[in-house]
Amino acid sequence: MSKTLTFKNNNHSAWLFDDSKQLTITETETHVGNPSNVDFNIGDMDSTNSTLHEGVTAPANWQGHRYTFDGSTWTEIPAWTIRTQARIDELESEMSELSALPDQTDRIQSQIDQLEVEVARLKAKI
């Protein structure tokens, strides 16, 4: 089981932690980890703008701000997938332009290879 920290104004699930991870939500921020030795602070989430939901089972492909959670239901945010697909389209267009260059150099092929890796990484997300 997990716990998720969501924004009150839109229910975006911004953070996901194992249920055993200690969180302390204050009026100014959220402390993650043992209070005597905090792992890190979340400065934009506090008791006025966030809700902690414990004992939840997140979607297998959970990523920050990909889903909303209202306390019982996870809903994928359509714009998240649209933005990711738009980025994939941009990268694939750039690969096509580079591939069409008349003089293929090792540097250009290296750029194409890097773009292919990034496209594969993004496709795995959606």
Protein backbone atom coordinates (compact mmCIF):
# COMPACT_ATOMS: atom_id res chain seq x y z
CA MET A 1 0.00 0.00 0.00
CA SER A 2 0.99 3.59 -0.58
CA LYS A 3 0.14 7.12 0.36
CA THR A 4 -0.31 10.01 -2.03
CA LEU A 5 -0.09 13.72 -1.45
CA THR A 6 -2.60 15.61 -3.61
CA PHE A 7 -3.33 19.27 -4.23
CA LYS A 8 -6.71 20.34 -2.84
CA ASN A 9 -7.57 22.64 -5.75
CA ASN A 10 -7.39 19.97 -8.48
CA ASN A 11 -6.74 16.61 -6.77
CA HIS A 12 -3.51 16.13 -8.75
CA SER A 13 -1.50 13.35 -7.17
CA ALA A 14 1.89 15.01 -6.94
CA TRP A 15 3.78 12.58 -4.70
CA LEU A 16 3.56 8.86 -3.96
CA PHE A 17 5.24 7.20 -0.99
CA ASP A 18 5.26 3.81 0.66
CA ASP A 19 2.85 3.79 3.60
CA SER A 20 5.81 3.32 5.95
CA LYS A 21 7.37 6.66 4.92
CA GLN A 22 6.75 9.31 7.55
CA LEU A 23 5.32 12.65 6.38
CA THR A 24 4.79 15.71 8.53
CA ILE A 25 2.57 18.34 6.95
CA THR A 26 2.91 21.81 8.43
CA GLU A 27 1.42 25.21 7.62
CA THR A 28 4.43 26.03 5.44
CA GLU A 29 5.69 22.76 3.90
CA THR A 30 5.74 18.97 4.07
CA HIS A 31 8.66 17.15 5.70
CA VAL A 32 9.47 13.71 4.27
CA GLY A 33 11.19 11.20 6.54
CA ASN A 34 11.99 10.97 10.20
CA PRO A 35 11.41 14.39 11.82
CA SER A 36 14.81 14.24 13.54
CA ASN A 37 16.55 13.58 10.20
CA VAL A 38 14.30 14.74 7.34
CA ASP A 39 15.03 13.26 3.88
CA PHE A 40 13.71 16.34 2.07
CA ASN A 41 11.01 19.02 2.19
CA ILE A 42 8.20 19.67 -0.26
CA GLY A 43 7.98 23.44 -0.23
CA ASP A 44 4.88 23.89 -2.37
CA MET A 45 2.63 21.48 -0.44
CA ASP A 46 1.40 22.30 3.04
CA SER A 47 -1.62 21.87 5.31
CA THR A 48 -3.52 24.64 3.53
CA ASN A 49 -3.25 23.31 -0.01
CA SER A 50 -2.74 19.54 0.14
CA THR A 51 -4.38 16.34 1.32
CA LEU A 52 -2.64 13.13 2.36
CA HIS A 53 -4.42 9.90 1.38
CA GLU A 54 -3.05 6.77 3.04
CA GLY A 55 -3.61 3.08 2.31
CA VAL A 56 -4.06 3.61 -1.43
CA THR A 57 -3.12 1.46 -4.38
CA ALA A 58 -1.78 3.67 -7.14
CA PRO A 59 -1.95 2.82 -10.85
CA ALA A 60 1.04 0.79 -12.02
CA ASN A 61 2.11 3.58 -14.37
CA TRP A 62 1.72 6.35 -11.76
CA GLN A 63 3.80 9.48 -12.27
CA GLY A 64 3.50 12.82 -10.55
CA HIS A 65 0.59 14.87 -11.93
CA ARG A 66 -0.45 12.09 -14.33
CA TYR A 67 -3.48 11.22 -12.20
CA THR A 68 -5.98 12.86 -9.94
CA PHE A 69 -7.11 11.10 -6.78
CA ASP A 70 -10.27 12.17 -4.98
CA GLY A 71 -9.94 9.84 -2.02
CA SER A 72 -11.35 6.79 -3.78
CA THR A 73 -10.88 7.04 -7.56
CA TRP A 74 -7.77 7.51 -9.70
CA THR A 75 -8.40 9.37 -12.97
CA GLU A 76 -5.78 9.85 -15.64
CA ILE A 77 -5.38 13.47 -16.70
CA PRO A 78 -5.92 13.57 -20.50
CA ALA A 79 -3.63 16.57 -20.98
CA TRP A 80 -0.74 14.60 -19.49
CA THR A 81 -0.84 12.04 -22.30
CA ILE A 82 -1.46 14.73 -24.92
CA ARG A 83 1.64 16.69 -23.81
CA THR A 84 3.76 13.55 -23.82
CA GLN A 85 2.54 12.54 -27.28
CA ALA A 86 3.20 16.05 -28.54
CA ARG A 87 6.80 15.79 -27.32
CA ILE A 88 7.17 12.40 -29.02
CA ASP A 89 5.90 13.92 -32.26
CA GLU A 90 8.43 16.77 -31.98
CA LEU A 91 11.32 14.37 -31.42
CA GLU A 92 10.26 12.10 -34.29
CA SER A 93 10.06 15.13 -36.59
CA GLU A 94 13.55 16.18 -35.54
CA MET A 95 14.81 12.64 -36.25
CA SER A 96 13.26 12.75 -39.74
CA GLU A 97 14.91 16.10 -40.48
CA LEU A 98 18.30 14.82 -39.34
CA SER A 99 17.89 11.59 -41.31
CA ALA A 100 17.11 13.60 -44.46
CA LEU A 101 20.39 15.51 -44.32
CA PRO A 102 22.53 14.62 -47.35
CA ASP A 103 25.78 14.18 -45.43
CA GLN A 104 25.31 11.80 -42.53
CA THR A 105 28.10 12.17 -40.01
CA ASP A 106 28.79 10.26 -36.84
CA ARG A 107 27.65 13.33 -34.89
CA ILE A 108 24.29 13.41 -36.68
CA GLN A 109 23.82 9.68 -36.20
CA SER A 110 24.65 10.09 -32.53
CA GLN A 111 21.95 12.77 -32.26
CA ILE A 112 19.44 10.49 -33.99
CA ASP A 113 20.35 7.65 -31.63
CA GLN A 114 19.84 9.90 -28.60
CA LEU A 115 16.46 11.05 -29.91
CA GLU A 116 15.40 7.43 -30.48
CA VAL A 117 16.23 6.61 -26.86
CA GLU A 118 14.21 9.60 -25.63
CA VAL A 119 11.23 8.66 -27.82
CA ALA A 120 11.31 5.09 -26.49
CA ARG A 121 11.44 6.38 -22.91
CA LEU A 122 8.45 8.66 -23.48
CA LYS A 123 6.44 5.96 -25.26
CA ALA A 124 6.95 3.68 -22.28
CA LYS A 125 5.23 6.30 -20.12
CA ILE A 126 1.99 6.38 -22.09
